[in-house]
């Protein structure tokens, strides 16, 4: 039974890594980087846990890599330093704005999931900052964290 469990865990980790590589094809390069590991050491415990303890949770690892890229200006949104106000990116379909006034409001995962690609790109830095500061509410994946 233990052998079966080990095989299942390995398959789950492989699946998570495939999912991760779809979103961050450069993950293997990042993983080998000393800068990345130094960055991880300076992060809160939840970041280290997402990488080292829950490595079979692709969504958590994706978020950590997103945060790393933002912190190191490796994303298109971070490189552009978009000047548009987040409130202007709200679609006509009524997708909620994300912290448009910089007051540090909570951002909900459900809000982010309703965004178009353009809206997500325009709000990427605010979303990542909310995640880093604990102001991101995981109301979709919730207990999976």
N, C-alpha and C. Protein backbone atom coordinates (compact mmCIF):
# COMPACT_ATOMS: atom_id res chain seq x y z
N UNK A 1 0.82 -1.19 0.00
CA UNK A 1 0.00 0.00 0.00
C UNK A 1 0.87 1.26 0.00
N UNK A 2 1.96 1.22 0.75
CA UNK A 2 2.86 2.37 0.81
C UNK A 2 3.47 2.64 -0.56
N UNK A 3 3.80 1.59 -1.28
CA UNK A 3 4.36 1.74 -2.63
C UNK A 3 3.34 2.42 -3.55
N UNK A 4 2.08 2.02 -3.44
CA UNK A 4 1.02 2.63 -4.23
C UNK A 4 0.92 4.12 -3.91
N UNK A 5 0.98 4.46 -2.63
CA UNK A 5 0.89 5.86 -2.20
C UNK A 5 2.07 6.67 -2.76
N UNK A 6 3.26 6.10 -2.74
CA UNK A 6 4.43 6.78 -3.29
C UNK A 6 4.27 7.03 -4.79
N UNK A 7 3.76 6.05 -5.50
CA UNK A 7 3.54 6.19 -6.95
C UNK A 7 2.51 7.29 -7.21
N UNK A 8 1.43 7.31 -6.42
CA UNK A 8 0.38 8.32 -6.57
C UNK A 8 0.94 9.72 -6.30
N UNK A 9 1.72 9.86 -5.24
CA UNK A 9 2.31 11.16 -4.92
C UNK A 9 3.24 11.63 -6.03
N UNK A 10 4.03 10.73 -6.56
CA UNK A 10 4.95 11.09 -7.65
C UNK A 10 4.18 11.54 -8.89
N UNK A 11 3.10 10.83 -9.22
CA UNK A 11 2.27 11.19 -10.37
C UNK A 11 1.63 12.56 -10.16
N UNK A 12 1.20 12.84 -8.94
CA UNK A 12 0.59 14.13 -8.63
C UNK A 12 1.61 15.25 -8.80
N UNK A 13 2.83 15.03 -8.32
CA UNK A 13 3.88 16.04 -8.46
C UNK A 13 4.22 16.28 -9.93
N UNK A 14 4.29 15.20 -10.71
CA UNK A 14 4.59 15.35 -12.15
C UNK A 14 3.50 16.13 -12.85
N UNK A 15 2.25 15.85 -12.51
CA UNK A 15 1.13 16.57 -13.11
C UNK A 15 1.21 18.05 -12.75
N UNK A 16 1.51 18.34 -11.48
CA UNK A 16 1.62 19.74 -11.04
C UNK A 16 2.74 20.46 -11.79
N UNK A 17 3.85 19.76 -12.00
CA UNK A 17 4.96 20.39 -12.70
C UNK A 17 4.61 20.67 -14.15
N UNK A 18 3.88 19.79 -14.78
CA UNK A 18 3.43 20.01 -16.16
C UNK A 18 2.54 21.25 -16.23
N UNK A 19 1.60 21.36 -15.27
CA UNK A 19 0.73 22.53 -15.20
C UNK A 19 1.54 23.81 -15.02
N UNK A 20 2.51 23.74 -14.14
CA UNK A 20 3.38 24.89 -13.86
C UNK A 20 4.16 25.31 -15.10
N UNK A 21 4.70 24.34 -15.82
CA UNK A 21 5.50 24.65 -17.01
C UNK A 21 4.65 25.22 -18.14
N UNK A 22 3.36 24.92 -18.16
CA UNK A 22 2.47 25.51 -19.15
C UNK A 22 2.37 27.02 -18.93
N UNK A 23 2.34 27.42 -17.67
CA UNK A 23 2.18 28.83 -17.33
C UNK A 23 3.52 29.56 -17.27
N UNK A 24 4.52 28.87 -16.74
CA UNK A 24 5.86 29.46 -16.62
C UNK A 24 6.88 28.51 -17.27
N UNK A 25 7.02 28.58 -18.60
CA UNK A 25 7.94 27.68 -19.29
C UNK A 25 9.39 27.85 -18.83
N UNK A 26 9.70 28.98 -18.21
CA UNK A 26 11.06 29.24 -17.74
C UNK A 26 11.29 28.77 -16.30
N UNK A 27 10.35 28.00 -15.76
CA UNK A 27 10.45 27.59 -14.36
C UNK A 27 11.73 26.81 -14.07
N UNK A 28 12.13 25.92 -14.96
CA UNK A 28 13.35 25.14 -14.70
C UNK A 28 14.57 26.04 -14.57
N UNK A 29 14.64 27.08 -15.39
CA UNK A 29 15.76 28.04 -15.29
C UNK A 29 15.68 28.80 -13.97
N UNK A 30 14.47 29.20 -13.61
CA UNK A 30 14.30 29.94 -12.36
C UNK A 30 14.67 29.06 -11.17
N UNK A 31 14.22 27.81 -11.21
CA UNK A 31 14.48 26.88 -10.11
C UNK A 31 15.97 26.66 -9.89
N UNK A 32 16.76 26.73 -10.94
CA UNK A 32 18.20 26.52 -10.85
C UNK A 32 18.96 27.80 -10.43
N UNK A 33 18.27 28.91 -10.42
CA UNK A 33 18.90 30.20 -10.14
C UNK A 33 19.17 30.38 -8.64
N UNK A 34 20.39 30.79 -8.32
CA UNK A 34 20.73 31.11 -6.93
C UNK A 34 19.94 32.32 -6.44
N UNK A 35 19.69 33.27 -7.35
CA UNK A 35 18.92 34.46 -6.99
C UNK A 35 17.52 34.08 -6.51
N UNK A 36 16.92 33.10 -7.18
CA UNK A 36 15.58 32.65 -6.79
C UNK A 36 15.60 32.08 -5.38
N UNK A 37 16.56 31.22 -5.09
CA UNK A 37 16.61 30.59 -3.77
C UNK A 37 16.93 31.61 -2.67
N UNK A 38 17.73 32.61 -2.99
CA UNK A 38 17.99 33.68 -2.03
C UNK A 38 16.71 34.48 -1.78
N UNK A 39 15.98 34.73 -2.86
CA UNK A 39 14.71 35.45 -2.74
C UNK A 39 13.74 34.67 -1.86
N UNK A 40 13.66 33.36 -2.07
CA UNK A 40 12.74 32.52 -1.30
C UNK A 40 13.08 32.58 0.19
N UNK A 41 14.35 32.60 0.52
CA UNK A 41 14.77 32.65 1.93
C UNK A 41 14.24 33.90 2.64
N UNK A 42 14.08 34.98 1.88
CA UNK A 42 13.63 36.25 2.46
C UNK A 42 12.10 36.39 2.49
N UNK A 43 11.40 35.38 2.02
CA UNK A 43 9.94 35.45 1.93
C UNK A 43 9.27 34.85 3.16
N UNK A 44 7.97 35.14 3.33
CA UNK A 44 7.22 34.57 4.44
C UNK A 44 7.15 33.03 4.33
N UNK A 45 6.80 32.43 5.43
CA UNK A 45 6.74 30.97 5.51
C UNK A 45 5.81 30.36 4.46
N UNK A 46 4.69 31.00 4.17
CA UNK A 46 3.74 30.43 3.21
C UNK A 46 4.37 30.29 1.82
N UNK A 47 5.29 31.17 1.48
CA UNK A 47 5.97 31.07 0.18
C UNK A 47 6.87 29.83 0.17
N UNK A 48 7.65 29.69 1.23
CA UNK A 48 8.54 28.51 1.32
C UNK A 48 7.72 27.22 1.34
N UNK A 49 6.62 27.23 2.08
CA UNK A 49 5.77 26.04 2.14
C UNK A 49 5.19 25.69 0.77
N UNK A 50 4.77 26.71 0.03
CA UNK A 50 4.20 26.46 -1.30
C UNK A 50 5.22 25.79 -2.21
N UNK A 51 6.47 26.15 -2.07
CA UNK A 51 7.52 25.59 -2.93
C UNK A 51 8.05 24.25 -2.44
N UNK A 52 8.26 24.15 -1.15
CA UNK A 52 8.98 22.99 -0.64
C UNK A 52 8.10 21.96 0.05
N UNK A 53 6.97 22.38 0.59
CA UNK A 53 6.11 21.45 1.32
C UNK A 53 4.92 20.99 0.47
N UNK A 54 4.34 21.89 -0.30
CA UNK A 54 3.15 21.59 -1.11
C UNK A 54 3.47 21.66 -2.59
N UNK A 55 4.56 21.10 -2.99
CA UNK A 55 5.00 21.22 -4.38
C UNK A 55 4.05 20.54 -5.36
N UNK A 56 3.09 19.77 -4.86
CA UNK A 56 2.11 19.15 -5.75
C UNK A 56 0.92 20.07 -6.01
N UNK A 57 0.91 21.24 -5.39
CA UNK A 57 -0.15 22.23 -5.60
C UNK A 57 0.35 23.26 -6.62
N UNK A 58 0.06 22.99 -7.90
CA UNK A 58 0.57 23.82 -8.98
C UNK A 58 0.13 25.28 -8.84
N UNK A 59 -1.11 25.50 -8.43
CA UNK A 59 -1.62 26.87 -8.33
C UNK A 59 -0.80 27.70 -7.34
N UNK A 60 -0.43 27.11 -6.23
CA UNK A 60 0.37 27.84 -5.24
C UNK A 60 1.75 28.16 -5.78
N UNK A 61 2.37 27.20 -6.44
CA UNK A 61 3.71 27.42 -6.99
C UNK A 61 3.65 28.46 -8.10
N UNK A 62 2.61 28.43 -8.92
CA UNK A 62 2.44 29.44 -9.97
C UNK A 62 2.39 30.83 -9.35
N UNK A 63 1.65 30.97 -8.26
CA UNK A 63 1.53 32.28 -7.61
C UNK A 63 2.87 32.74 -7.05
N UNK A 64 3.63 31.81 -6.50
CA UNK A 64 4.95 32.17 -5.98
C UNK A 64 5.86 32.62 -7.11
N UNK A 65 5.84 31.93 -8.23
CA UNK A 65 6.67 32.31 -9.38
C UNK A 65 6.20 33.66 -9.92
N UNK A 66 4.88 33.87 -9.95
CA UNK A 66 4.35 35.19 -10.35
C UNK A 66 4.93 36.28 -9.46
N UNK A 67 4.89 36.05 -8.17
CA UNK A 67 5.40 37.04 -7.21
C UNK A 67 6.89 37.27 -7.40
N UNK A 68 7.64 36.20 -7.59
CA UNK A 68 9.08 36.33 -7.83
C UNK A 68 9.35 37.18 -9.07
N UNK A 69 8.60 36.92 -10.13
CA UNK A 69 8.80 37.68 -11.36
C UNK A 69 8.44 39.15 -11.19
N UNK A 70 7.40 39.43 -10.44
CA UNK A 70 7.03 40.82 -10.19
C UNK A 70 8.12 41.50 -9.38
N UNK A 71 8.56 40.83 -8.31
CA UNK A 71 9.60 41.41 -7.46
C UNK A 71 10.90 41.67 -8.21
N UNK A 72 11.15 40.91 -9.26
CA UNK A 72 12.39 41.04 -10.01
C UNK A 72 12.20 41.64 -11.40
N UNK A 73 11.07 42.32 -11.60
CA UNK A 73 10.76 43.00 -12.86
C UNK A 73 10.93 42.09 -14.07
N UNK A 74 10.41 40.89 -13.96
CA UNK A 74 10.52 39.91 -15.04
C UNK A 74 9.21 39.71 -15.79
N UNK A 75 8.18 40.51 -15.50
CA UNK A 75 6.89 40.37 -16.17
C UNK A 75 6.67 41.53 -17.11
N UNK A 76 5.88 41.31 -18.15
CA UNK A 76 5.57 42.43 -19.05
C UNK A 76 4.92 43.59 -18.30
N UNK A 77 4.04 43.29 -17.37
CA UNK A 77 3.36 44.35 -16.63
C UNK A 77 4.35 45.12 -15.76
N UNK A 78 5.29 44.42 -15.16
CA UNK A 78 6.28 45.09 -14.31
C UNK A 78 7.24 45.92 -15.15
N UNK A 79 7.57 45.44 -16.33
CA UNK A 79 8.49 46.18 -17.19
C UNK A 79 7.84 47.42 -17.76
N UNK A 80 6.56 47.35 -18.06
CA UNK A 80 5.85 48.48 -18.65
C UNK A 80 5.57 49.57 -17.63
N UNK A 81 5.35 49.19 -16.39
CA UNK A 81 4.93 50.13 -15.34
C UNK A 81 3.70 50.88 -15.82
N UNK A 82 2.66 50.13 -16.10
CA UNK A 82 1.43 50.67 -16.66
C UNK A 82 0.96 51.88 -15.88
N UNK A 83 0.54 52.91 -16.62
CA UNK A 83 0.12 54.14 -15.98
C UNK A 83 -1.40 54.27 -15.90
N UNK A 84 -2.13 53.34 -16.50
CA UNK A 84 -3.58 53.44 -16.47
C UNK A 84 -4.11 53.17 -15.08
N UNK A 85 -5.14 53.88 -14.74
CA UNK A 85 -5.82 53.66 -13.47
C UNK A 85 -6.63 52.37 -13.58
N UNK A 86 -6.60 51.54 -12.56
CA UNK A 86 -7.30 50.26 -12.61
C UNK A 86 -8.79 50.43 -12.82
N UNK A 87 -9.35 51.52 -12.36
CA UNK A 87 -10.78 51.74 -12.52
C UNK A 87 -11.17 51.89 -13.99
N UNK A 88 -10.27 52.33 -14.82
CA UNK A 88 -10.56 52.51 -16.24
C UNK A 88 -10.57 51.18 -16.98
N UNK A 89 -10.07 50.12 -16.36
CA UNK A 89 -10.00 48.83 -17.05
C UNK A 89 -11.21 47.95 -16.80
N UNK A 90 -12.19 48.45 -16.04
CA UNK A 90 -13.38 47.66 -15.76
C UNK A 90 -14.15 47.50 -17.06
N UNK A 91 -14.52 46.25 -17.36
CA UNK A 91 -15.22 45.98 -18.61
C UNK A 91 -16.67 46.42 -18.50
N UNK A 92 -17.32 46.53 -19.63
CA UNK A 92 -18.72 46.90 -19.66
C UNK A 92 -19.60 45.79 -19.10
N UNK A 93 -19.02 44.61 -18.94
CA UNK A 93 -19.77 43.48 -18.38
C UNK A 93 -19.88 43.58 -16.87
N UNK A 94 -19.26 44.58 -16.27
CA UNK A 94 -19.42 44.77 -14.84
C UNK A 94 -18.39 44.04 -13.98
N UNK A 95 -17.25 43.70 -14.55
CA UNK A 95 -16.20 43.08 -13.74
C UNK A 95 -15.70 44.10 -12.74
N UNK A 96 -15.60 43.73 -11.47
CA UNK A 96 -15.23 44.71 -10.46
C UNK A 96 -13.81 45.23 -10.60
N UNK A 97 -13.62 46.47 -10.22
CA UNK A 97 -12.28 47.06 -10.23
C UNK A 97 -11.48 46.53 -9.06
N UNK A 98 -10.19 46.58 -9.18
CA UNK A 98 -9.31 46.09 -8.13
C UNK A 98 -8.56 47.26 -7.51
N UNK A 99 -8.89 47.58 -6.29
CA UNK A 99 -8.14 48.56 -5.50
C UNK A 99 -7.73 49.76 -6.33
N UNK A 100 -8.67 50.38 -6.99
CA UNK A 100 -8.35 51.43 -7.94
C UNK A 100 -7.75 52.67 -7.30
N UNK A 101 -7.99 52.89 -6.01
CA UNK A 101 -7.47 54.10 -5.39
C UNK A 101 -6.21 53.85 -4.56
N UNK A 102 -5.70 52.62 -4.56
CA UNK A 102 -4.49 52.32 -3.83
C UNK A 102 -4.67 52.28 -2.32
N UNK A 103 -5.89 52.17 -1.85
CA UNK A 103 -6.15 52.20 -0.42
C UNK A 103 -5.86 50.89 0.28
N UNK A 104 -5.52 49.88 -0.46
CA UNK A 104 -5.19 48.61 0.16
C UNK A 104 -6.41 47.74 0.41
N UNK A 105 -7.46 47.89 -0.40
CA UNK A 105 -8.64 47.06 -0.24
C UNK A 105 -8.30 45.60 -0.48
N UNK A 106 -9.17 44.75 0.03
CA UNK A 106 -9.02 43.34 -0.22
C UNK A 106 -9.37 43.03 -1.68
N UNK A 107 -8.69 42.08 -2.25
CA UNK A 107 -8.98 41.64 -3.61
C UNK A 107 -9.42 40.20 -3.52
N UNK A 108 -10.52 39.86 -4.17
CA UNK A 108 -11.05 38.51 -4.13
C UNK A 108 -10.60 37.72 -5.35
N UNK A 109 -10.34 36.45 -5.12
CA UNK A 109 -9.96 35.54 -6.20
C UNK A 109 -11.07 35.49 -7.26
N UNK A 110 -12.33 35.57 -6.82
CA UNK A 110 -13.44 35.53 -7.77
C UNK A 110 -13.44 36.77 -8.67
N UNK A 111 -12.99 37.92 -8.16
CA UNK A 111 -12.88 39.11 -8.99
C UNK A 111 -11.84 38.89 -10.08
N UNK A 112 -10.71 38.33 -9.67
CA UNK A 112 -9.62 38.11 -10.61
C UNK A 112 -10.04 37.11 -11.68
N UNK A 113 -10.78 36.08 -11.29
CA UNK A 113 -11.18 35.06 -12.26
C UNK A 113 -12.15 35.61 -13.31
N UNK A 114 -12.84 36.72 -13.01
CA UNK A 114 -13.78 37.32 -13.95
C UNK A 114 -13.10 38.31 -14.90
N UNK A 115 -11.84 38.62 -14.64
CA UNK A 115 -11.14 39.62 -15.46
C UNK A 115 -10.78 39.08 -16.84
N UNK A 116 -10.74 39.99 -17.79
CA UNK A 116 -10.21 39.64 -19.10
C UNK A 116 -8.69 39.60 -18.98
N UNK A 117 -8.03 39.07 -20.00
CA UNK A 117 -6.56 39.03 -19.98
C UNK A 117 -5.98 40.43 -19.85
N UNK A 118 -6.57 41.39 -20.53
CA UNK A 118 -6.09 42.78 -20.48
C UNK A 118 -6.24 43.35 -19.08
N UNK A 119 -7.40 43.11 -18.47
CA UNK A 119 -7.63 43.61 -17.12
C UNK A 119 -6.64 42.98 -16.14
N UNK A 120 -6.42 41.68 -16.30
CA UNK A 120 -5.48 40.99 -15.40
C UNK A 120 -4.09 41.59 -15.56
N UNK A 121 -3.66 41.82 -16.80
CA UNK A 121 -2.33 42.39 -17.03
C UNK A 121 -2.22 43.78 -16.43
N UNK A 122 -3.27 44.59 -16.58
CA UNK A 122 -3.25 45.94 -16.04
C UNK A 122 -3.23 45.95 -14.51
N UNK A 123 -3.81 44.93 -13.89
CA UNK A 123 -3.90 44.87 -12.43
C UNK A 123 -2.92 43.90 -11.80
N UNK A 124 -2.04 43.34 -12.59
CA UNK A 124 -1.14 42.28 -12.13
C UNK A 124 -0.35 42.67 -10.88
N UNK A 125 0.25 43.83 -10.91
CA UNK A 125 1.07 44.26 -9.77
C UNK A 125 0.24 44.43 -8.51
N UNK A 126 -0.96 44.97 -8.64
CA UNK A 126 -1.83 45.15 -7.47
C UNK A 126 -2.27 43.81 -6.91
N UNK A 127 -2.56 42.88 -7.79
CA UNK A 127 -2.97 41.55 -7.35
C UNK A 127 -1.82 40.88 -6.59
N UNK A 128 -0.63 40.95 -7.16
CA UNK A 128 0.53 40.33 -6.51
C UNK A 128 0.83 41.00 -5.17
N UNK A 129 0.69 42.32 -5.12
CA UNK A 129 0.93 43.03 -3.86
C UNK A 129 -0.10 42.61 -2.81
N UNK A 130 -1.34 42.45 -3.23
CA UNK A 130 -2.39 42.00 -2.30
C UNK A 130 -2.08 40.60 -1.78
N UNK A 131 -1.59 39.73 -2.66
CA UNK A 131 -1.24 38.38 -2.24
C UNK A 131 -0.09 38.41 -1.23
N UNK A 132 0.88 39.26 -1.50
CA UNK A 132 2.05 39.33 -0.62
C UNK A 132 1.71 39.94 0.73
N UNK A 133 0.73 40.85 0.76
CA UNK A 133 0.39 41.53 2.00
C UNK A 133 -0.73 40.85 2.77
N UNK A 134 -1.27 39.75 2.23
CA UNK A 134 -2.34 39.04 2.91
C UNK A 134 -3.71 39.66 2.67
N UNK A 135 -3.82 40.52 1.68
CA UNK A 135 -5.10 41.17 1.37
C UNK A 135 -5.77 40.53 0.16
N UNK A 136 -5.40 39.31 -0.15
CA UNK A 136 -6.01 38.57 -1.25
C UNK A 136 -6.89 37.50 -0.64
N UNK A 137 -8.15 37.51 -0.98
CA UNK A 137 -9.10 36.55 -0.41
C UNK A 137 -9.31 35.41 -1.39
N UNK A 138 -8.93 34.22 -0.96
CA UNK A 138 -9.09 33.03 -1.79
C UNK A 138 -10.49 32.48 -1.61
N UNK A 139 -11.46 33.10 -2.30
CA UNK A 139 -12.85 32.71 -2.13
C UNK A 139 -13.30 31.68 -3.16
N UNK A 140 -12.40 31.28 -4.06
CA UNK A 140 -12.73 30.23 -5.03
C UNK A 140 -12.06 28.94 -4.62
N UNK A 141 -10.74 28.98 -4.49
CA UNK A 141 -10.00 27.76 -4.13
C UNK A 141 -10.02 27.52 -2.63
N UNK A 142 -10.23 28.56 -1.84
CA UNK A 142 -10.41 28.50 -0.41
C UNK A 142 -9.60 27.48 0.34
N UNK A 143 -10.22 26.39 0.74
CA UNK A 143 -9.58 25.41 1.61
C UNK A 143 -8.50 24.60 0.91
N UNK A 144 -8.37 24.76 -0.39
CA UNK A 144 -7.29 24.06 -1.10
C UNK A 144 -5.94 24.61 -0.72
N UNK A 145 -5.90 25.75 -0.11
CA UNK A 145 -4.65 26.40 0.27
C UNK A 145 -4.12 25.78 1.50
